[in-house]
Amino acid sequence: MHNGFILYLIIIGNQSSKCPKCKANYFSITKTKEDYLGNDFANPKKHIFRNYYRCRKCNHEWAKDIYRSKNNQHQF
């Protein structure tokens, strides 16, 4: 049971770190910028950042919002 769940998390994490256009892997993606958007209204202990990425394979650019707790842990 636990091994299946861990495998599921790895697959989901790997898919979310691919280029949405050409599906290039994590190593083809460059983080170009990060903007601080403020605190989450529902949970003020979490900060919201917008990260901008570019694919080196197809030059597609996109943004993704990231939630972090005050101790800097990523929360999606």
N, C-alpha and C. Protein backbone atom coordinates (compact mmCIF):
# COMPACT_ATOMS: atom_id res chain seq x y z
N MET A 1 0.82 -1.20 0.00
CA MET A 1 0.00 0.00 0.00
C MET A 1 0.86 1.26 0.00
N HIS A 2 1.83 1.32 0.90
CA HIS A 2 2.66 2.51 1.00
C HIS A 2 3.55 2.68 -0.22
N ASN A 3 4.06 1.58 -0.76
CA ASN A 3 4.90 1.65 -1.95
C ASN A 3 4.14 2.19 -3.14
N GLY A 4 2.86 1.80 -3.27
CA GLY A 4 2.03 2.31 -4.35
C GLY A 4 1.78 3.80 -4.23
N PHE A 5 1.59 4.26 -3.01
CA PHE A 5 1.36 5.68 -2.77
C PHE A 5 2.60 6.50 -3.09
N ILE A 6 3.76 5.99 -2.69
CA ILE A 6 5.02 6.69 -2.98
C ILE A 6 5.25 6.75 -4.49
N LEU A 7 4.99 5.67 -5.18
CA LEU A 7 5.12 5.65 -6.64
C LEU A 7 4.16 6.65 -7.28
N TYR A 8 2.94 6.74 -6.77
CA TYR A 8 1.96 7.71 -7.27
C TYR A 8 2.48 9.14 -7.10
N LEU A 9 3.05 9.45 -5.94
CA LEU A 9 3.58 10.80 -5.70
C LEU A 9 4.75 11.12 -6.64
N ILE A 10 5.59 10.14 -6.90
CA ILE A 10 6.71 10.35 -7.82
C ILE A 10 6.21 10.62 -9.23
N ILE A 11 5.22 9.86 -9.67
CA ILE A 11 4.67 10.05 -11.01
C ILE A 11 4.01 11.41 -11.13
N ILE A 12 3.19 11.80 -10.15
CA ILE A 12 2.51 13.10 -10.19
C ILE A 12 3.53 14.23 -10.14
N GLY A 13 4.53 14.12 -9.27
CA GLY A 13 5.56 15.15 -9.19
C GLY A 13 6.35 15.28 -10.47
N ASN A 14 6.64 14.17 -11.12
CA ASN A 14 7.38 14.19 -12.38
C ASN A 14 6.55 14.80 -13.49
N GLN A 15 5.25 14.52 -13.52
CA GLN A 15 4.39 15.09 -14.55
C GLN A 15 4.22 16.59 -14.36
N SER A 16 4.18 17.06 -13.12
CA SER A 16 3.98 18.48 -12.87
C SER A 16 5.24 19.29 -13.14
N SER A 17 6.39 18.63 -13.28
CA SER A 17 7.63 19.34 -13.56
C SER A 17 8.07 19.18 -15.01
N LYS A 18 7.13 18.86 -15.89
CA LYS A 18 7.41 18.76 -17.32
C LYS A 18 6.87 19.98 -18.04
N CYS A 19 7.41 20.24 -19.21
CA CYS A 19 6.90 21.32 -20.04
C CYS A 19 5.46 20.99 -20.46
N PRO A 20 4.51 21.91 -20.27
CA PRO A 20 3.13 21.61 -20.65
C PRO A 20 2.92 21.53 -22.16
N LYS A 21 3.84 22.07 -22.95
CA LYS A 21 3.68 22.05 -24.40
C LYS A 21 4.30 20.81 -25.03
N CYS A 22 5.59 20.58 -24.77
CA CYS A 22 6.29 19.47 -25.44
C CYS A 22 6.58 18.30 -24.52
N LYS A 23 6.25 18.42 -23.24
CA LYS A 23 6.45 17.36 -22.24
C LYS A 23 7.92 17.02 -22.00
N ALA A 24 8.79 17.99 -22.25
CA ALA A 24 10.22 17.79 -21.96
C ALA A 24 10.39 17.58 -20.46
N ASN A 25 11.43 16.85 -20.08
CA ASN A 25 11.61 16.51 -18.68
C ASN A 25 12.15 17.67 -17.86
N TYR A 26 12.29 17.42 -16.57
CA TYR A 26 12.70 18.43 -15.59
C TYR A 26 14.02 19.10 -15.96
N PHE A 27 14.93 18.36 -16.56
CA PHE A 27 16.26 18.89 -16.86
C PHE A 27 16.26 19.88 -18.02
N SER A 28 15.16 19.97 -18.75
CA SER A 28 15.05 20.93 -19.85
C SER A 28 14.34 22.21 -19.44
N ILE A 29 13.97 22.32 -18.16
CA ILE A 29 13.20 23.47 -17.68
C ILE A 29 14.10 24.41 -16.88
N THR A 30 13.98 25.70 -17.15
CA THR A 30 14.72 26.72 -16.42
C THR A 30 13.74 27.65 -15.72
N LYS A 31 13.96 27.87 -14.43
CA LYS A 31 13.17 28.86 -13.69
C LYS A 31 13.75 30.22 -14.00
N THR A 32 12.94 31.12 -14.56
CA THR A 32 13.45 32.40 -15.01
C THR A 32 13.19 33.54 -14.02
N LYS A 33 12.15 33.39 -13.19
CA LYS A 33 11.78 34.50 -12.31
C LYS A 33 10.87 33.99 -11.21
N GLU A 34 10.84 34.70 -10.08
CA GLU A 34 9.91 34.38 -8.99
C GLU A 34 9.37 35.69 -8.43
N ASP A 35 8.05 35.80 -8.34
CA ASP A 35 7.40 36.98 -7.76
C ASP A 35 6.69 36.59 -6.47
N TYR A 36 6.81 37.45 -5.46
CA TYR A 36 6.06 37.25 -4.21
C TYR A 36 4.70 37.90 -4.38
N LEU A 37 3.63 37.12 -4.18
CA LEU A 37 2.28 37.64 -4.38
C LEU A 37 1.60 38.03 -3.07
N GLY A 38 2.09 37.57 -1.93
CA GLY A 38 1.49 37.91 -0.64
C GLY A 38 1.15 36.68 0.16
N ASN A 39 0.32 36.89 1.18
CA ASN A 39 -0.12 35.79 2.04
C ASN A 39 -1.42 35.21 1.53
N ASP A 40 -1.63 33.95 1.80
CA ASP A 40 -2.88 33.28 1.48
C ASP A 40 -3.95 33.80 2.44
N PHE A 41 -5.09 34.26 1.93
CA PHE A 41 -6.14 34.79 2.78
C PHE A 41 -6.73 33.71 3.69
N ALA A 42 -6.85 32.50 3.20
CA ALA A 42 -7.42 31.41 3.98
C ALA A 42 -6.46 30.93 5.07
N ASN A 43 -5.17 31.06 4.82
CA ASN A 43 -4.17 30.61 5.79
C ASN A 43 -3.01 31.61 5.76
N PRO A 44 -3.05 32.64 6.61
CA PRO A 44 -2.03 33.70 6.58
C PRO A 44 -0.60 33.22 6.87
N LYS A 45 -0.45 32.00 7.36
CA LYS A 45 0.90 31.47 7.63
C LYS A 45 1.58 31.00 6.35
N LYS A 46 0.86 30.99 5.24
CA LYS A 46 1.44 30.55 3.97
C LYS A 46 1.64 31.74 3.04
N HIS A 47 2.76 31.75 2.37
CA HIS A 47 3.09 32.78 1.38
C HIS A 47 2.82 32.22 -0.01
N ILE A 48 2.43 33.11 -0.92
CA ILE A 48 2.17 32.70 -2.30
C ILE A 48 3.23 33.33 -3.20
N PHE A 49 3.85 32.51 -4.02
CA PHE A 49 4.83 32.95 -4.99
C PHE A 49 4.39 32.51 -6.38
N ARG A 50 4.73 33.28 -7.39
CA ARG A 50 4.50 32.87 -8.77
C ARG A 50 5.86 32.66 -9.41
N ASN A 51 6.09 31.43 -9.83
CA ASN A 51 7.35 31.07 -10.49
C ASN A 51 7.13 31.04 -12.00
N TYR A 52 8.09 31.56 -12.73
CA TYR A 52 8.05 31.58 -14.20
C TYR A 52 9.11 30.63 -14.73
N TYR A 53 8.73 29.85 -15.72
CA TYR A 53 9.61 28.82 -16.27
C TYR A 53 9.70 28.96 -17.79
N ARG A 54 10.79 28.42 -18.34
CA ARG A 54 10.96 28.35 -19.79
C ARG A 54 11.57 27.00 -20.15
N CYS A 55 11.05 26.41 -21.19
CA CYS A 55 11.56 25.13 -21.69
C CYS A 55 12.70 25.42 -22.67
N ARG A 56 13.84 24.81 -22.43
CA ARG A 56 14.98 25.00 -23.33
C ARG A 56 14.81 24.23 -24.63
N LYS A 57 13.91 23.26 -24.64
CA LYS A 57 13.70 22.45 -25.84
C LYS A 57 12.80 23.17 -26.85
N CYS A 58 11.67 23.74 -26.40
CA CYS A 58 10.72 24.36 -27.34
C CYS A 58 10.50 25.86 -27.08
N ASN A 59 11.17 26.43 -26.06
CA ASN A 59 11.08 27.84 -25.69
C ASN A 59 9.70 28.27 -25.18
N HIS A 60 8.87 27.32 -24.81
CA HIS A 60 7.57 27.65 -24.22
C HIS A 60 7.79 28.25 -22.83
N GLU A 61 6.99 29.27 -22.48
CA GLU A 61 7.08 29.92 -21.17
C GLU A 61 5.74 29.79 -20.46
N TRP A 62 5.78 29.58 -19.14
CA TRP A 62 4.56 29.46 -18.35
C TRP A 62 4.84 29.87 -16.92
N ALA A 63 3.76 30.04 -16.15
CA ALA A 63 3.87 30.42 -14.74
C ALA A 63 3.12 29.40 -13.89
N LYS A 64 3.59 29.26 -12.66
CA LYS A 64 2.97 28.33 -11.73
C LYS A 64 2.99 28.96 -10.34
N ASP A 65 1.85 28.96 -9.65
CA ASP A 65 1.78 29.49 -8.29
C ASP A 65 2.21 28.44 -7.30
N ILE A 66 3.05 28.84 -6.34
CA ILE A 66 3.60 27.95 -5.33
C ILE A 66 3.23 28.51 -3.96
N TYR A 67 2.79 27.65 -3.08
CA TYR A 67 2.48 28.04 -1.71
C TYR A 67 3.59 27.53 -0.80
N ARG A 68 4.08 28.41 0.08
CA ARG A 68 5.13 28.02 1.03
C ARG A 68 4.71 28.44 2.42
N SER A 69 5.01 27.57 3.38
CA SER A 69 4.79 27.94 4.77
C SER A 69 5.94 28.86 5.20
N LYS A 70 5.84 29.41 6.37
CA LYS A 70 6.87 30.35 6.81
C LYS A 70 8.24 29.71 6.93
N ASN A 71 8.32 28.39 7.08
CA ASN A 71 9.63 27.74 7.17
C ASN A 71 10.12 27.34 5.79
N ASN A 72 9.52 27.90 4.71
CA ASN A 72 9.98 27.77 3.32
C ASN A 72 9.74 26.40 2.70
N GLN A 73 8.84 25.60 3.25
CA GLN A 73 8.53 24.32 2.62
C GLN A 73 7.49 24.54 1.55
N HIS A 74 7.67 23.85 0.41
CA HIS A 74 6.72 23.97 -0.72
C HIS A 74 5.43 23.26 -0.39
N GLN A 75 4.33 23.89 -0.75
CA GLN A 75 3.01 23.31 -0.57
C GLN A 75 2.25 23.58 -1.87
N PHE A 76 1.83 22.54 -2.57
CA PHE A 76 1.15 22.72 -3.85
C PHE A 76 -0.33 22.62 -3.68
